[in-house]
Amino acid sequence: MDGTLEENRAAAMLAQKNGKGVIVFDGPLTRVGGNGFDPVFGEGITEIHLPNTVERIGNQAFIFSRFTSFRAPDNLKSVGFGIFAFNNELKRLYGKCATADEKFLVLDGELIAYAAASLPKDGTLVVPNGVKSLPQQLFRAQTKIKDV
């Protein structure tokens, strides 16, 4: 294994699901490929623990996931679009590039993720200061958002 979680469910099986909906990687990993956790494998996963060695996360890597929290690895350098597409369960984003309120991940001025479950009831999303761009599919399937 070259430190990459490739774009298929079989590679994702290298991780150990601990029976509580949490996946922990215990080996070297530098990249999570796109669509690494499809709807079948991703079902029931509420949290993933990526090692700090991860530098890149591919497009829609956690699409359809039901994560309630996510920690951005310390060495994260690039993130593809829509990494949490179709996830309305996220409540907490923390680690590298997380905002102080743990609701957003901002990397090099780009808003790469937000905690959809923490949206106010009126559906207003207030973009944090310093954000210069919004990637494609950031709000994919987010019907709760009424105003940005």
Protein backbone atom coordinates (compact mmCIF):
# COMPACT_ATOMS: atom_id res chain seq x y z
CA MET A 1 0.00 0.00 0.00
CA ASP A 2 1.41 3.38 -1.01
CA GLY A 3 -0.33 5.51 1.61
CA THR A 4 -3.41 6.09 -0.53
CA LEU A 5 -7.03 5.20 0.11
CA GLU A 6 -8.12 4.67 -3.49
CA GLU A 7 -11.44 5.44 -5.09
CA ASN A 8 -13.28 2.27 -4.18
CA ARG A 9 -14.99 0.58 -1.30
CA ALA A 10 -12.56 -2.34 -1.15
CA ALA A 11 -9.64 -0.09 -0.19
CA ALA A 12 -11.75 1.49 2.52
CA MET A 13 -12.05 -1.93 4.11
CA LEU A 14 -8.40 -1.61 5.19
CA ALA A 15 -9.65 0.56 8.00
CA GLN A 16 -11.08 -1.05 11.11
CA LYS A 17 -14.67 -0.25 12.02
CA ASN A 18 -14.74 -0.50 15.79
CA GLY A 19 -18.42 -1.39 16.15
CA LYS A 20 -19.41 2.09 17.29
CA GLY A 21 -19.65 3.73 13.87
CA VAL A 22 -16.07 5.02 14.10
CA ILE A 23 -13.29 4.15 11.65
CA VAL A 24 -9.69 4.49 12.82
CA PHE A 25 -6.72 4.25 10.45
CA ASP A 26 -3.61 2.97 12.15
CA GLY A 27 -1.21 2.89 9.21
CA PRO A 28 0.49 5.52 7.06
CA LEU A 29 -2.00 7.33 4.88
CA THR A 30 -1.30 10.43 2.80
CA ARG A 31 -4.33 10.69 0.53
CA VAL A 32 -8.01 9.81 0.61
CA GLY A 33 -9.28 9.39 -2.95
CA GLY A 34 -12.60 10.60 -4.28
CA ASN A 35 -15.73 8.66 -3.36
CA GLY A 36 -13.72 6.65 -0.83
CA PHE A 37 -16.84 5.89 1.19
CA ASP A 38 -19.84 5.14 -0.98
CA PRO A 39 -23.40 4.84 0.40
CA VAL A 40 -23.10 1.10 1.05
CA PHE A 41 -19.83 1.14 2.98
CA GLY A 42 -20.47 4.53 4.56
CA GLU A 43 -23.74 3.54 6.19
CA GLY A 44 -23.57 3.77 9.96
CA ILE A 45 -20.20 5.54 10.07
CA THR A 46 -20.50 8.57 12.34
CA GLU A 47 -16.84 9.49 12.66
CA ILE A 48 -13.52 8.83 10.95
CA HIS A 49 -10.09 9.31 12.49
CA LEU A 50 -7.62 10.19 9.75
CA PRO A 51 -3.95 10.27 10.72
CA ASN A 52 -2.12 13.59 10.63
CA THR A 53 -0.11 12.26 7.67
CA VAL A 54 -3.07 12.85 5.31
CA GLU A 55 -2.27 15.72 2.94
CA ARG A 56 -5.04 15.41 0.33
CA ILE A 57 -8.72 14.51 0.35
CA GLY A 58 -10.32 13.86 -3.04
CA ASN A 59 -13.61 14.99 -4.56
CA GLN A 60 -16.68 13.77 -2.70
CA ALA A 61 -14.47 11.55 -0.52
CA PHE A 62 -17.15 11.21 2.15
CA ILE A 63 -20.25 11.60 -0.02
CA PHE A 64 -23.39 10.22 1.66
CA SER A 65 -21.52 9.82 4.93
CA ARG A 66 -23.40 10.37 8.17
CA PHE A 67 -20.46 11.75 10.13
CA THR A 68 -21.44 13.86 13.10
CA SER A 69 -17.90 15.18 13.58
CA PHE A 70 -14.71 15.40 11.57
CA ARG A 71 -11.16 16.36 12.50
CA ALA A 72 -9.05 17.87 9.72
CA PRO A 73 -5.55 16.34 9.80
CA ASP A 74 -2.60 18.59 10.71
CA ASN A 75 -0.84 18.11 7.34
CA LEU A 76 -3.92 18.74 5.16
CA LYS A 77 -2.92 20.74 2.07
CA SER A 78 -5.72 20.23 -0.46
CA VAL A 79 -9.34 19.16 -0.50
CA GLY A 80 -11.55 18.29 -3.47
CA PHE A 81 -15.10 19.52 -3.97
CA GLY A 82 -18.17 18.28 -2.14
CA ILE A 83 -16.32 16.14 0.41
CA PHE A 84 -19.43 15.96 2.62
CA ALA A 85 -22.09 16.11 -0.12
CA PHE A 86 -25.46 14.79 1.08
CA ASN A 87 -24.43 14.84 4.75
CA ASN A 88 -26.87 16.74 6.95
CA GLU A 89 -25.57 15.17 10.17
CA LEU A 90 -22.31 17.11 10.68
CA LYS A 91 -22.34 19.03 13.95
CA ARG A 92 -18.63 19.61 14.61
CA LEU A 93 -15.57 20.28 12.44
CA TYR A 94 -12.27 20.62 14.25
CA GLY A 95 -8.52 20.37 13.77
CA LYS A 96 -6.45 22.17 11.14
CA CYS A 97 -8.28 24.96 9.33
CA ALA A 98 -11.40 24.74 11.54
CA THR A 99 -13.05 27.95 12.68
CA ALA A 100 -13.16 28.68 16.41
CA ASP A 101 -16.88 27.83 16.56
CA GLU A 102 -16.14 24.41 14.93
CA LYS A 103 -18.74 24.98 12.20
CA PHE A 104 -16.49 25.50 9.16
CA LEU A 105 -13.28 24.30 7.55
CA VAL A 106 -11.46 27.06 5.64
CA LEU A 107 -8.28 26.15 3.76
CA ASP A 108 -6.30 28.89 2.00
CA GLY A 109 -9.34 31.17 1.84
CA GLU A 110 -11.70 28.52 0.47
CA LEU A 111 -14.70 27.35 2.48
CA ILE A 112 -14.29 23.60 2.06
CA ALA A 113 -16.88 22.29 4.51
CA TYR A 114 -19.52 23.35 7.01
CA ALA A 115 -21.42 21.61 9.77
CA ALA A 116 -24.88 21.33 8.22
CA ALA A 117 -26.54 20.12 11.42
CA SER A 118 -25.44 23.31 13.18
CA LEU A 119 -27.31 25.64 10.81
CA PRO A 120 -29.71 28.03 12.50
CA LYS A 121 -33.40 27.20 12.20
CA ASP A 122 -33.98 30.12 9.83
CA GLY A 123 -31.61 28.49 7.30
CA THR A 124 -29.16 31.39 7.14
CA LEU A 125 -25.52 30.47 6.64
CA VAL A 126 -23.11 33.22 7.64
CA VAL A 127 -19.83 32.71 5.80
CA PRO A 128 -16.81 33.27 8.07
CA ASN A 129 -14.46 36.22 7.61
CA GLY A 130 -11.52 35.56 5.34
CA VAL A 131 -13.37 33.27 2.93
CA LYS A 132 -12.52 34.19 -0.66
CA SER A 133 -14.17 31.35 -2.56
CA LEU A 134 -16.80 28.62 -2.36
CA PRO A 135 -16.08 25.35 -4.17
CA GLN A 136 -18.55 23.66 -6.47
CA GLN A 137 -21.04 21.34 -4.81
CA LEU A 138 -20.40 22.79 -1.35
CA PHE A 139 -24.15 23.03 -0.78
CA ARG A 140 -25.16 19.93 -2.76
CA ALA A 141 -28.44 18.51 -1.46
CA GLN A 142 -28.59 20.96 1.43
CA THR A 143 -32.26 21.89 1.46
CA LYS A 144 -32.04 23.57 4.88
CA ILE A 145 -30.09 26.56 3.55
CA LYS A 146 -32.31 29.49 2.69
CA ASP A 147 -29.76 32.32 2.56
CA VAL A 148 -25.94 32.67 2.39
